[in-house]
Amino acid sequence: MDWITILSTTIKSAVGVETVLYALAAIGINIHFGYTGLLNFGQAAFMAVAGYGLAVTVTVMGLPFWVGIIVGLVAAAVLALLLGIPTLHLRADYLAIVTIAGAEIIRLVFRSVAFKDIFGGSDGRRGFGTGFQELNPFPPGDYGFNLGPIPLFFAHWQLWVMLVGWVLIAVCCLIVYLVMKSPWGRVLKAIREDEDAVRSLGKNVFSYKMQSLVLGGVIGCLGGFIYGLAYGSVQPDVFGTETTFYLYTMVILGGAARVFGPVVGSMLFWVLLVLLNGTLSEAVAAGVITFIDANQAGALRYVFVGLGLILLLVFRPQGIFGDKREIAIDAR
């Protein structure tokens, strides 16, 4: 078994593009679920409208890259308003129903044949990241170092995306820390615990919930930008419901209502997946494991990760850095 390759890909996954984009989206989920108690099951939709907002603006409308970024951010904010206005006056589970349905509607619209000229159908859109890559300060080549016998190198375009992504993560974590220490943030956490008590104090609970939904959606949509810029394309099926479930896994794994919980959760999630995938694939190729083939090894890793998450929820439901009191939400 090639342990050098396994360890190299595993270590790189801890800071790689997938970790970055999922960490950004998970920070948004943490604002919704961890701090406010909003059950948003449509975070993938915020990522999708941002990625497609950028892609369509550049490739279809022929406008500059930065205009596409603005369009994506505005689209995410508008989506939060459209989802929140009819549901935030109601019980928490209504928001869950609306957001998961809304995310699927958006995905199906993006892959629809009727709008293929705009969104590209199931093939999506590509060729919109030129403006971003032109800003790349790293000359073409590979950058990194050797950790003993383990090579840790990234291509210049990967390094550029990772640099921008980790800067965004740092900024978003700082924003979350500051706003949650403010009176506004304390109101959000009070709404999570008992919104009737907050309402009795004269606070506009609907307004606070809407602000939280918009803020978390806009932060989460940054993950959609990073995905599109890293891979040079957006496809609708990438933003399926399973993406949102992964994000909740990361938030719970790291610890809900903790500033760095989603980031640590995203890192651990991808490290576990990559490590298991590499180990199982190499074991199958070397004949150590014979009861499955290489294709089944990729699916089996989710079984082991799922088992680990079940054990985590049984023995430490608050996650690594979380507090049990932070995951009790008021669903009335």
C-alpha atoms as a PDB file:
ATOM      1  CA  MET A   1       0.000   0.000   0.000  1.00  0.00           C
ATOM      2  CA  ASP A   2       1.228   3.467  -0.906  1.00  0.00           C
ATOM      3  CA  TRP A   3       1.069   5.127   2.511  1.00  0.00           C
ATOM      4  CA  ILE A   4       3.016   8.156   1.285  1.00  0.00           C
ATOM      5  CA  THR A   5       0.277   9.040  -1.201  1.00  0.00           C
ATOM      6  CA  ILE A   6      -2.453   8.321   1.335  1.00  0.00           C
ATOM      7  CA  LEU A   7      -0.882  10.575   3.965  1.00  0.00           C
ATOM      8  CA  SER A   8      -0.063  13.296   1.438  1.00  0.00           C
ATOM      9  CA  THR A   9      -3.627  13.551   0.096  1.00  0.00           C
ATOM     10  CA  THR A  10      -5.057  13.320   3.618  1.00  0.00           C
ATOM     11  CA  ILE A  11      -2.914  16.124   5.040  1.00  0.00           C
ATOM     12  CA  LYS A  12      -3.575  18.341   2.027  1.00  0.00           C
ATOM     13  CA  SER A  13      -7.315  17.771   2.369  1.00  0.00           C
ATOM     14  CA  ALA A  14      -7.235  19.432   5.805  1.00  0.00           C
ATOM     15  CA  VAL A  15      -6.572  22.812   4.154  1.00  0.00           C
ATOM     16  CA  GLY A  16      -7.719  22.079   0.598  1.00  0.00           C
ATOM     17  CA  VAL A  17     -10.391  23.636  -1.551  1.00  0.00           C
ATOM     18  CA  GLU A  18     -13.184  21.315  -0.387  1.00  0.00           C
ATOM     19  CA  THR A  19     -12.488  22.134   3.249  1.00  0.00           C
ATOM     20  CA  VAL A  20     -12.489  25.863   2.480  1.00  0.00           C
ATOM     21  CA  LEU A  21     -15.763  26.001   0.568  1.00  0.00           C
ATOM     22  CA  TYR A  22     -17.619  23.747   3.002  1.00  0.00           C
ATOM     23  CA  ALA A  23     -16.239  25.643   5.999  1.00  0.00           C
ATOM     24  CA  LEU A  24     -17.618  28.924   4.623  1.00  0.00           C
ATOM     25  CA  ALA A  25     -21.047  27.413   4.012  1.00  0.00           C
ATOM     26  CA  ALA A  26     -20.982  25.750   7.444  1.00  0.00           C
ATOM     27  CA  ILE A  27     -20.239  29.074   9.142  1.00  0.00           C
ATOM     28  CA  GLY A  28     -23.512  30.328   7.674  1.00  0.00           C
ATOM     29  CA  ILE A  29     -25.349  27.246   8.956  1.00  0.00           C
ATOM     30  CA  ASN A  30     -23.827  27.857  12.378  1.00  0.00           C
ATOM     31  CA  ILE A  31     -25.354  31.339  12.463  1.00  0.00           C
ATOM     32  CA  HIS A  32     -28.748  29.904  11.515  1.00  0.00           C
ATOM     33  CA  PHE A  33     -28.826  26.715  13.559  1.00  0.00           C
ATOM     34  CA  GLY A  34     -26.163  27.142  16.217  1.00  0.00           C
ATOM     35  CA  TYR A  35     -26.841  30.702  17.315  1.00  0.00           C
ATOM     36  CA  THR A  36     -30.447  31.387  16.275  1.00  0.00           C
ATOM     37  CA  GLY A  37     -32.050  27.943  16.233  1.00  0.00           C
ATOM     38  CA  LEU A  38     -33.252  28.248  12.623  1.00  0.00           C
ATOM     39  CA  LEU A  39     -33.593  24.908  10.831  1.00  0.00           C
ATOM     40  CA  ASN A  40     -32.345  25.927   7.402  1.00  0.00           C
ATOM     41  CA  PHE A  41     -32.100  22.792   5.264  1.00  0.00           C
ATOM     42  CA  GLY A  42     -31.482  24.728   2.064  1.00  0.00           C
ATOM     43  CA  GLN A  43     -27.984  26.154   2.511  1.00  0.00           C
ATOM     44  CA  ALA A  44     -26.961  24.514  -0.767  1.00  0.00           C
ATOM     45  CA  ALA A  45     -29.400  26.871  -2.497  1.00  0.00           C
ATOM     46  CA  PHE A  46     -27.480  29.918  -1.235  1.00  0.00           C
ATOM     47  CA  MET A  47     -24.279  28.406  -2.599  1.00  0.00           C
ATOM     48  CA  ALA A  48     -26.019  27.680  -5.907  1.00  0.00           C
ATOM     49  CA  VAL A  49     -27.463  31.155  -6.499  1.00  0.00           C
ATOM     50  CA  ALA A  50     -24.072  32.704  -5.749  1.00  0.00           C
ATOM     51  CA  GLY A  51     -22.172  30.385  -8.084  1.00  0.00           C
ATOM     52  CA  TYR A  52     -24.709  30.721 -10.861  1.00  0.00           C
ATOM     53  CA  GLY A  53     -25.048  34.456 -10.293  1.00  0.00           C
ATOM     54  CA  LEU A  54     -21.343  34.811 -11.001  1.00  0.00           C
ATOM     55  CA  ALA A  55     -21.348  32.332 -13.888  1.00  0.00           C
ATOM     56  CA  VAL A  56     -24.372  33.765 -15.711  1.00  0.00           C
ATOM     57  CA  THR A  57     -23.249  37.362 -15.219  1.00  0.00           C
ATOM     58  CA  VAL A  58     -19.854  36.682 -16.801  1.00  0.00           C
ATOM     59  CA  THR A  59     -20.601  34.065 -19.468  1.00  0.00           C
ATOM     60  CA  VAL A  60     -24.104  35.033 -20.585  1.00  0.00           C
ATOM     61  CA  MET A  61     -24.278  38.762 -19.912  1.00  0.00           C
ATOM     62  CA  GLY A  62     -20.605  39.442 -20.604  1.00  0.00           C
ATOM     63  CA  LEU A  63     -20.164  41.642 -17.539  1.00  0.00           C
ATOM     64  CA  PRO A  64     -16.971  41.902 -15.435  1.00  0.00           C
ATOM     65  CA  PHE A  65     -16.027  39.380 -12.784  1.00  0.00           C
ATOM     66  CA  TRP A  66     -16.639  41.746  -9.856  1.00  0.00           C
ATOM     67  CA  VAL A  67     -20.150  42.501 -11.075  1.00  0.00           C
ATOM     68  CA  GLY A  68     -20.847  38.770 -10.942  1.00  0.00           C
ATOM     69  CA  ILE A  69     -19.690  38.669  -7.318  1.00  0.00           C
ATOM     70  CA  ILE A  70     -22.103  41.475  -6.427  1.00  0.00           C
ATOM     71  CA  VAL A  71     -24.944  39.761  -8.303  1.00  0.00           C
ATOM     72  CA  GLY A  72     -24.297  36.518  -6.400  1.00  0.00           C
ATOM     73  CA  LEU A  73     -24.297  38.258  -3.022  1.00  0.00           C
ATOM     74  CA  VAL A  74     -27.509  40.130  -3.803  1.00  0.00           C
ATOM     75  CA  ALA A  75     -29.117  36.917  -5.061  1.00  0.00           C
ATOM     76  CA  ALA A  76     -28.303  35.179  -1.769  1.00  0.00           C
ATOM     77  CA  ALA A  77     -29.804  38.035   0.246  1.00  0.00           C
ATOM     78  CA  VAL A  78     -32.959  38.051  -1.908  1.00  0.00           C
ATOM     79  CA  LEU A  79     -33.288  34.281  -1.534  1.00  0.00           C
ATOM     80  CA  ALA A  80     -33.132  34.642   2.256  1.00  0.00           C
ATOM     81  CA  LEU A  81     -35.940  37.196   2.124  1.00  0.00           C
ATOM     82  CA  LEU A  82     -38.085  35.031  -0.134  1.00  0.00           C
ATOM     83  CA  LEU A  83     -37.654  32.001   2.119  1.00  0.00           C
ATOM     84  CA  GLY A  84     -37.985  33.873   5.387  1.00  0.00           C
ATOM     85  CA  ILE A  85     -40.942  36.193   4.826  1.00  0.00           C
ATOM     86  CA  PRO A  86     -43.625  33.457   4.619  1.00  0.00           C
ATOM     87  CA  THR A  87     -42.127  31.177   7.297  1.00  0.00           C
ATOM     88  CA  LEU A  88     -40.330  33.031  10.080  1.00  0.00           C
ATOM     89  CA  HIS A  89     -43.602  33.979  11.787  1.00  0.00           C
ATOM     90  CA  LEU A  90     -44.380  30.266  12.071  1.00  0.00           C
ATOM     91  CA  ARG A  91     -42.848  27.319  13.929  1.00  0.00           C
ATOM     92  CA  ALA A  92     -39.260  26.350  13.283  1.00  0.00           C
ATOM     93  CA  ASP A  93     -40.143  23.197  11.349  1.00  0.00           C
ATOM     94  CA  TYR A  94     -41.953  25.229   8.695  1.00  0.00           C
ATOM     95  CA  LEU A  95     -38.681  26.905   7.803  1.00  0.00           C
ATOM     96  CA  ALA A  96     -37.085  23.476   7.453  1.00  0.00           C
ATOM     97  CA  ILE A  97     -39.809  22.340   5.048  1.00  0.00           C
ATOM     98  CA  VAL A  98     -39.701  25.509   2.966  1.00  0.00           C
ATOM     99  CA  THR A  99     -35.910  25.682   2.720  1.00  0.00           C
ATOM    100  CA  ILE A 100     -35.410  22.061   1.688  1.00  0.00           C
ATOM    101  CA  ALA A 101     -38.169  22.410  -0.910  1.00  0.00           C
ATOM    102  CA  GLY A 102     -36.836  25.780  -2.080  1.00  0.00           C
ATOM    103  CA  ALA A 103     -33.343  24.388  -2.529  1.00  0.00           C
ATOM    104  CA  GLU A 104     -34.663  21.559  -4.700  1.00  0.00           C
ATOM    105  CA  ILE A 105     -36.767  23.982  -6.765  1.00  0.00           C
ATOM    106  CA  ILE A 106     -33.709  26.135  -7.416  1.00  0.00           C
ATOM    107  CA  ARG A 107     -31.596  23.103  -8.359  1.00  0.00           C
ATOM    108  CA  LEU A 108     -34.250  21.848 -10.772  1.00  0.00           C
ATOM    109  CA  VAL A 109     -34.637  25.289 -12.349  1.00  0.00           C
ATOM    110  CA  PHE A 110     -30.885  25.497 -12.922  1.00  0.00           C
ATOM    111  CA  ARG A 111     -30.827  22.076 -14.622  1.00  0.00           C
ATOM    112  CA  SER A 112     -34.073  22.638 -16.542  1.00  0.00           C
ATOM    113  CA  VAL A 113     -34.000  22.245 -20.323  1.00  0.00           C
ATOM    114  CA  ALA A 114     -36.256  25.294 -20.652  1.00  0.00           C
ATOM    115  CA  PHE A 115     -33.534  27.542 -19.207  1.00  0.00           C
ATOM    116  CA  LYS A 116     -30.558  25.765 -20.756  1.00  0.00           C
ATOM    117  CA  ASP A 117     -29.519  28.856 -22.725  1.00  0.00           C
ATOM    118  CA  ILE A 118     -29.109  30.713 -19.458  1.00  0.00           C
ATOM    119  CA  PHE A 119     -27.997  28.159 -16.879  1.00  0.00           C
ATOM    120  CA  GLY A 120     -26.559  25.465 -19.139  1.00  0.00           C
ATOM    121  CA  GLY A 121     -28.898  22.667 -18.075  1.00  0.00           C
ATOM    122  CA  SER A 122     -27.366  19.625 -16.399  1.00  0.00           C
ATOM    123  CA  ASP A 123     -23.949  20.559 -17.825  1.00  0.00           C
ATOM    124  CA  GLY A 124     -23.905  23.853 -15.947  1.00  0.00           C
ATOM    125  CA  ARG A 125     -21.717  26.825 -16.841  1.00  0.00           C
ATOM    126  CA  ARG A 126     -17.966  27.126 -17.162  1.00  0.00           C
ATOM    127  CA  GLY A 127     -15.335  29.623 -18.300  1.00  0.00           C
ATOM    128  CA  PHE A 128     -16.121  32.454 -15.884  1.00  0.00           C
ATOM    129  CA  GLY A 129     -13.053  32.362 -13.626  1.00  0.00           C
ATOM    130  CA  THR A 130     -10.601  34.110 -15.940  1.00  0.00           C
ATOM    131  CA  GLY A 131     -10.923  37.436 -14.161  1.00  0.00           C
ATOM    132  CA  PHE A 132     -10.170  35.781 -10.839  1.00  0.00           C
ATOM    133  CA  GLN A 133      -7.161  33.846 -12.102  1.00  0.00           C
ATOM    134  CA  GLU A 134      -5.735  36.993 -13.693  1.00  0.00           C
ATOM    135  CA  LEU A 135      -5.350  38.349 -10.156  1.00  0.00           C
ATOM    136  CA  ASN A 136      -3.266  35.317  -9.146  1.00  0.00           C
ATOM    137  CA  PRO A 137       0.081  36.566  -7.772  1.00  0.00           C
ATOM    138  CA  PHE A 138       1.679  33.105  -7.992  1.00  0.00           C
ATOM    139  CA  PRO A 139       3.507  32.228 -11.224  1.00  0.00           C
ATOM    140  CA  PRO A 140       2.584  28.869 -12.811  1.00  0.00           C
ATOM    141  CA  GLY A 141       4.044  25.911 -10.983  1.00  0.00           C
ATOM    142  CA  ASP A 142       3.709  23.872  -7.809  1.00  0.00           C
ATOM    143  CA  TYR A 143       4.232  25.314  -4.347  1.00  0.00           C
ATOM    144  CA  GLY A 144       4.766  23.555  -1.052  1.00  0.00           C
ATOM    145  CA  PHE A 145       7.308  21.537   0.876  1.00  0.00           C
ATOM    146  CA  ASN A 146       8.219  18.012   1.908  1.00  0.00           C
ATOM    147  CA  LEU A 147       7.162  16.909   5.380  1.00  0.00           C
ATOM    148  CA  GLY A 148       9.802  14.234   5.728  1.00  0.00           C
ATOM    149  CA  PRO A 149       9.043  11.757   2.945  1.00  0.00           C
ATOM    150  CA  ILE A 150       5.534  13.202   2.462  1.00  0.00           C
ATOM    151  CA  PRO A 151       5.211  15.739  -0.390  1.00  0.00           C
ATOM    152  CA  LEU A 152       2.774  18.582   0.280  1.00  0.00           C
ATOM    153  CA  PHE A 153       2.486  20.599  -2.917  1.00  0.00           C
ATOM    154  CA  PHE A 154      -0.342  22.562  -4.520  1.00  0.00           C
ATOM    155  CA  ALA A 155      -0.702  23.937  -8.036  1.00  0.00           C
ATOM    156  CA  HIS A 156      -0.505  27.710  -8.332  1.00  0.00           C
ATOM    157  CA  TRP A 157      -4.222  28.060  -9.068  1.00  0.00           C
ATOM    158  CA  GLN A 158      -5.131  25.886  -6.064  1.00  0.00           C
ATOM    159  CA  LEU A 159      -2.887  27.934  -3.805  1.00  0.00           C
ATOM    160  CA  TRP A 160      -4.531  31.152  -4.976  1.00  0.00           C
ATOM    161  CA  VAL A 161      -8.041  29.832  -4.319  1.00  0.00           C
ATOM    162  CA  MET A 162      -6.984  28.482  -0.919  1.00  0.00           C
ATOM    163  CA  LEU A 163      -5.365  31.775   0.059  1.00  0.00           C
ATOM    164  CA  VAL A 164      -8.482  33.755  -0.792  1.00  0.00           C
ATOM    165  CA  GLY A 165     -10.693  31.130   0.844  1.00  0.00           C
ATOM    166  CA  TRP A 166      -8.817  31.013   4.141  1.00  0.00           C
ATOM    167  CA  VAL A 167      -8.741  34.805   4.297  1.00  0.00           C
ATOM    168  CA  LEU A 168     -12.523  34.783   3.849  1.00  0.00           C
ATOM    169  CA  ILE A 169     -12.840  32.155   6.593  1.00  0.00           C
ATOM    170  CA  ALA A 170     -10.769  34.300   8.962  1.00  0.00           C
ATOM    171  CA  VAL A 171     -12.862  37.388   8.170  1.00  0.00           C
ATOM    172  CA  CYS A 172     -16.148  35.500   8.571  1.00  0.00           C
ATOM    173  CA  CYS A 173     -15.046  33.983  11.887  1.00  0.00           C
ATOM    174  CA  LEU A 174     -14.076  37.440  13.120  1.00  0.00           C
ATOM    175  CA  ILE A 175     -17.461  38.817  12.059  1.00  0.00           C
ATOM    176  CA  VAL A 176     -19.276  35.983  13.832  1.00  0.00           C
ATOM    177  CA  TYR A 177     -17.218  36.476  16.986  1.00  0.00           C
ATOM    178  CA  LEU A 178     -17.878  40.216  17.089  1.00  0.00           C
ATOM    179  CA  VAL A 179     -21.594  40.112  16.318  1.00  0.00           C
ATOM    180  CA  MET A 180     -22.287  37.264  18.739  1.00  0.00           C
ATOM    181  CA  LYS A 181     -20.576  39.193  21.528  1.00  0.00           C
ATOM    182  CA  SER A 182     -22.744  42.211  20.751  1.00  0.00           C
ATOM    183  CA  PRO A 183     -26.278  42.866  22.080  1.00  0.00           C
ATOM    184  CA  TRP A 184     -27.604  41.768  18.680  1.00  0.00           C
ATOM    185  CA  GLY A 185     -25.933  38.396  19.001  1.00  0.00           C
ATOM    186  CA  ARG A 186     -27.196  37.924  22.544  1.00  0.00           C
ATOM    187  CA  VAL A 187     -30.735  38.465  21.277  1.00  0.00           C
ATOM    188  CA  LEU A 188     -30.207  35.759  18.662  1.00  0.00           C
ATOM    189  CA  LYS A 189     -29.077  33.283  21.294  1.00  0.00           C
ATOM    190  CA  ALA A 190     -32.052  34.224  23.462  1.00  0.00           C
ATOM    191  CA  ILE A 191     -34.378  33.552  20.523  1.00  0.00           C
ATOM    192  CA  ARG A 192     -32.819  30.123  20.187  1.00  0.00           C
ATOM    193  CA  GLU A 193     -33.599  29.380  23.831  1.00  0.00           C
ATOM    194  CA  ASP A 194     -37.106  30.882  24.116  1.00  0.00           C
ATOM    195  CA  GLU A 195     -38.423  33.294  21.526  1.00  0.00           C
ATOM    196  CA  ASP A 196     -41.618  33.952  23.495  1.00  0.00           C
ATOM    197  CA  ALA A 197     -39.545  35.364  26.339  1.00  0.00           C
ATOM    198  CA  VAL A 198     -37.662  37.577  23.890  1.00  0.00           C
ATOM    199  CA  ARG A 199     -40.923  38.759  22.378  1.00  0.00           C
ATOM    200  CA  SER A 200     -42.263  39.603  25.832  1.00  0.00           C
ATOM    201  CA  LEU A 201     -39.301  41.972  26.264  1.00  0.00           C
ATOM    202  CA  GLY A 202     -40.429  43.980  23.245  1.00  0.00           C
ATOM    203  CA  LYS A 203     -37.968  42.614  20.714  1.00  0.00           C
ATOM    204  CA  ASN A 204     -39.066  42.059  17.109  1.00  0.00           C
ATOM    205  CA  VAL A 205     -38.274  38.341  16.851  1.00  0.00           C
ATOM    206  CA  PHE A 206     -39.224  38.158  13.170  1.00  0.00           C
ATOM    207  CA  SER A 207     -36.810  40.959  12.288  1.00  0.00           C
ATOM    208  CA  TYR A 208     -33.935  39.337  14.175  1.00  0.00           C
ATOM    209  CA  LYS A 209     -34.595  35.973  12.573  1.00  0.00           C
ATOM    210  CA  MET A 210     -34.641  37.556   9.134  1.00  0.00           C
ATOM    211  CA  GLN A 211     -31.373  39.360   9.765  1.00  0.00           C
ATOM    212  CA  SER A 212     -29.811  36.084  10.901  1.00  0.00           C
ATOM    213  CA  LEU A 213     -31.113  34.265   7.835  1.00  0.00           C
ATOM    214  CA  VAL A 214     -29.703  36.918   5.519  1.00  0.00           C
ATOM    215  CA  LEU A 215     -26.322  37.085   7.268  1.00  0.00           C
ATOM    216  CA  GLY A 216     -25.889  33.303   7.360  1.00  0.00           C
ATOM    217  CA  GLY A 217     -27.038  32.973   3.761  1.00  0.00           C
ATOM    218  CA  VAL A 218     -24.642  35.627   2.477  1.00  0.00           C
ATOM    219  CA  ILE A 219     -21.701  34.112   4.375  1.00  0.00           C
ATOM    220  CA  GLY A 220     -22.698  30.639   3.206  1.00  0.00           C
ATOM    221  CA  CYS A 221     -22.945  31.721  -0.418  1.00  0.00           C
ATOM    222  CA  LEU A 222     -19.205  32.450  -0.372  1.00  0.00           C
ATOM    223  CA  GLY A 223     -18.747  28.683  -0.517  1.00  0.00           C
ATOM    224  CA  GLY A 224     -20.551  28.712  -3.867  1.00  0.00           C
ATOM    225  CA  PHE A 225     -18.133  31.334  -5.189  1.00  0.00           C
ATOM    226  CA  ILE A 226     -15.124  29.318  -4.056  1.00  0.00           C
ATOM    227  CA  TYR A 227     -16.489  26.158  -5.656  1.00  0.00           C
ATOM    228  CA  GLY A 228     -17.070  27.843  -9.000  1.00  0.00           C
ATOM    229  CA  LEU A 229     -13.707  29.619  -9.024  1.00  0.00           C
ATOM    230  CA  ALA A 230     -11.766  26.545  -7.912  1.00  0.00           C
ATOM    231  CA  TYR A 231     -13.228  24.136 -10.444  1.00  0.00           C
ATOM    232  CA  GLY A 232     -13.975  26.641 -13.193  1.00  0.00           C
ATOM    233  CA  SER A 233     -17.584  25.528 -13.506  1.00  0.00           C
ATOM    234  CA  VAL A 234     -20.903  25.135 -11.708  1.00  0.00           C
ATOM    235  CA  GLN A 235     -23.279  22.193 -12.126  1.00  0.00           C
ATOM    236  CA  PRO A 236     -26.725  22.057 -10.518  1.00  0.00           C
ATOM    237  CA  ASP A 237     -26.424  18.568  -9.037  1.00  0.00           C
ATOM    238  CA  VAL A 238     -23.422  19.629  -6.966  1.00  0.00           C
ATOM    239  CA  PHE A 239     -25.810  21.740  -4.897  1.00  0.00           C
ATOM    240  CA  GLY A 240     -28.125  18.917  -3.892  1.00  0.00           C
ATOM    241  CA  THR A 241     -29.717  18.287  -0.516  1.00  0.00           C
ATOM    242  CA  GLU A 242     -26.835  16.058   0.571  1.00  0.00           C
ATOM    243  CA  THR A 243     -24.558  19.113   0.524  1.00  0.00           C
ATOM    244  CA  THR A 244     -26.639  20.775   3.238  1.00  0.00           C
ATOM    245  CA  PHE A 245     -26.619  17.560   5.279  1.00  0.00           C
ATOM    246  CA  TYR A 246     -22.817  17.492   5.060  1.00  0.00           C
ATOM    247  CA  LEU A 247     -22.758  21.044   6.371  1.00  0.00           C
ATOM    248  CA  TYR A 248     -24.891  20.139   9.374  1.00  0.00           C
ATOM    249  CA  THR A 249     -22.583  17.210  10.020  1.00  0.00           C
ATOM    250  CA  MET A 250     -19.604  19.556  10.076  1.00  0.00           C
ATOM    251  CA  VAL A 251     -21.299  22.028  12.408  1.00  0.00           C
ATOM    252  CA  ILE A 252     -22.324  19.306  14.857  1.00  0.00           C
ATOM    253  CA  LEU A 253     -18.930  17.606  14.593  1.00  0.00           C
ATOM    254  CA  GLY A 254     -17.005  20.767  15.446  1.00  0.00           C
ATOM    255  CA  GLY A 255     -19.560  22.103  17.900  1.00  0.00           C
ATOM    256  CA  ALA A 256     -22.617  24.268  17.260  1.00  0.00           C
ATOM    257  CA  ALA A 257     -22.531  27.905  18.409  1.00  0.00           C
ATOM    258  CA  ARG A 258     -18.726  27.908  18.465  1.00  0.00           C
ATOM    259  CA  VAL A 259     -16.880  30.343  16.227  1.00  0.00           C
ATOM    260  CA  PHE A 260     -14.336  27.809  14.973  1.00  0.00           C
ATOM    261  CA  GLY A 261     -16.624  24.784  15.278  1.00  0.00           C
ATOM    262  CA  PRO A 262     -17.665  24.702  11.589  1.00  0.00           C
ATOM    263  CA  VAL A 263     -14.069  25.178  10.417  1.00  0.00           C
ATOM    264  CA  VAL A 264     -12.687  22.369  12.574  1.00  0.00           C
ATOM    265  CA  GLY A 265     -15.673  20.192  11.659  1.00  0.00           C
ATOM    266  CA  SER A 266     -15.059  20.732   7.948  1.00  0.00           C
ATOM    267  CA  MET A 267     -11.380  19.874   8.312  1.00  0.00           C
ATOM    268  CA  LEU A 268     -12.091  16.681  10.252  1.00  0.00           C
ATOM    269  CA  PHE A 269     -14.892  15.651   7.919  1.00  0.00           C
ATOM    270  CA  TRP A 270     -12.722  15.818   4.797  1.00  0.00           C
ATOM    271  CA  VAL A 271      -9.676  14.337   6.496  1.00  0.00           C
ATOM    272  CA  LEU A 272     -11.743  11.312   7.539  1.00  0.00           C
ATOM    273  CA  LEU A 273     -13.306  10.898   4.096  1.00  0.00           C
ATOM    274  CA  VAL A 274     -10.027  11.216   2.218  1.00  0.00           C
ATOM    275  CA  LEU A 275      -8.127   8.992   4.642  1.00  0.00           C
ATOM    276  CA  LEU A 276     -10.755   6.256   4.496  1.00  0.00           C
ATOM    277  CA  ASN A 277     -11.094   6.499   0.724  1.00  0.00           C
ATOM    278  CA  GLY A 278      -7.338   6.317   0.188  1.00  0.00           C
ATOM    279  CA  THR A 279      -6.834   3.475   2.667  1.00  0.00           C
ATOM    280  CA  LEU A 280      -9.725   1.372   1.373  1.00  0.00           C
ATOM    281  CA  SER A 281      -8.824   1.949  -2.289  1.00  0.00           C
ATOM    282  CA  GLU A 282      -5.182   1.044  -1.712  1.00  0.00           C
ATOM    283  CA  ALA A 283      -6.193  -2.008   0.327  1.00  0.00           C
ATOM    284  CA  VAL A 284      -8.443  -3.230  -2.483  1.00  0.00           C
ATOM    285  CA  ALA A 285      -5.737  -2.610  -5.103  1.00  0.00           C
ATOM    286  CA  ALA A 286      -3.151  -4.457  -3.007  1.00  0.00           C
ATOM    287  CA  GLY A 287      -5.471  -7.425  -2.443  1.00  0.00           C
ATOM    288  CA  VAL A 288      -5.647  -6.870   1.314  1.00  0.00           C
ATOM    289  CA  ILE A 289      -9.424  -6.449   1.035  1.00  0.00           C
ATOM    290  CA  THR A 290     -11.095  -8.811  -1.412  1.00  0.00           C
ATOM    291  CA  PHE A 291     -14.806  -8.703  -0.565  1.00  0.00           C
ATOM    292  CA  ILE A 292     -15.346  -5.315  -2.270  1.00  0.00           C
ATOM    293  CA  ASP A 293     -14.073  -3.650  -5.445  1.00  0.00           C
ATOM    294  CA  ALA A 294     -12.600  -0.180  -5.946  1.00  0.00           C
ATOM    295  CA  ASN A 295     -15.988   1.420  -6.693  1.00  0.00           C
ATOM    296  CA  GLN A 296     -17.545  -0.013  -3.552  1.00  0.00           C
ATOM    297  CA  ALA A 297     -14.632   1.249  -1.463  1.00  0.00           C
ATOM    298  CA  GLY A 298     -15.669   4.826  -2.180  1.00  0.00           C
ATOM    299  CA  ALA A 299     -19.180   4.161  -0.880  1.00  0.00           C
ATOM    300  CA  LEU A 300     -17.971   2.178   2.118  1.00  0.00           C
ATOM    301  CA  ARG A 301     -16.139   5.193   3.506  1.00  0.00           C
ATOM    302  CA  TYR A 302     -19.493   6.902   4.101  1.00  0.00           C
ATOM    303  CA  VAL A 303     -20.593   3.869   6.114  1.00  0.00           C
ATOM    304  CA  PHE A 304     -17.608   4.226   8.436  1.00  0.00           C
ATOM    305  CA  VAL A 305     -17.992   8.013   8.693  1.00  0.00           C
ATOM    306  CA  GLY A 306     -21.698   7.579   9.440  1.00  0.00           C
ATOM    307  CA  LEU A 307     -20.921   5.025  12.138  1.00  0.00           C
ATOM    308  CA  GLY A 308     -18.423   7.428  13.676  1.00  0.00           C
ATOM    309  CA  LEU A 309     -20.994  10.221  13.687  1.00  0.00           C
ATOM    310  CA  ILE A 310     -23.565   7.983  15.361  1.00  0.00           C
ATOM    311  CA  LEU A 311     -21.071   7.198  18.115  1.00  0.00           C
ATOM    312  CA  LEU A 312     -20.274  10.909  18.418  1.00  0.00           C
ATOM    313  CA  LEU A 313     -23.949  11.797  18.827  1.00  0.00           C
ATOM    314  CA  VAL A 314     -24.381   9.046  21.434  1.00  0.00           C
ATOM    315  CA  PHE A 315     -21.359   9.885  23.578  1.00  0.00           C
ATOM    316  CA  ARG A 316     -20.789  13.579  22.808  1.00  0.00           C
ATOM    317  CA  PRO A 317     -23.809  15.118  21.043  1.00  0.00           C
ATOM    318  CA  GLN A 318     -22.482  18.644  21.480  1.00  0.00           C
ATOM    319  CA  GLY A 319     -19.500  17.926  19.226  1.00  0.00           C
ATOM    320  CA  ILE A 320     -15.836  18.455  19.918  1.00  0.00           C
ATOM    321  CA  PHE A 321     -15.924  22.032  21.200  1.00  0.00           C
ATOM    322  CA  GLY A 322     -19.653  22.420  21.793  1.00  0.00           C
ATOM    323  CA  ASP A 323     -21.846  22.709  24.848  1.00  0.00           C
ATOM    324  CA  LYS A 324     -25.019  20.649  25.298  1.00  0.00           C
ATOM    325  CA  ARG A 325     -26.894  23.797  26.220  1.00  0.00           C
ATOM    326  CA  GLU A 326     -26.090  25.305  22.826  1.00  0.00           C
ATOM    327  CA  ILE A 327     -27.924  22.611  20.834  1.00  0.00           C
ATOM    328  CA  ALA A 328     -31.254  22.936  22.625  1.00  0.00           C
ATOM    329  CA  ILE A 329     -33.495  24.942  20.317  1.00  0.00           C
ATOM    330  CA  ASP A 330     -37.018  26.276  20.811  1.00  0.00           C
ATOM    331  CA  ALA A 331     -39.144  24.745  18.057  1.00  0.00           C
ATOM    332  CA  ARG A 332     -42.411  26.327  19.104  1.00  0.00           C
END
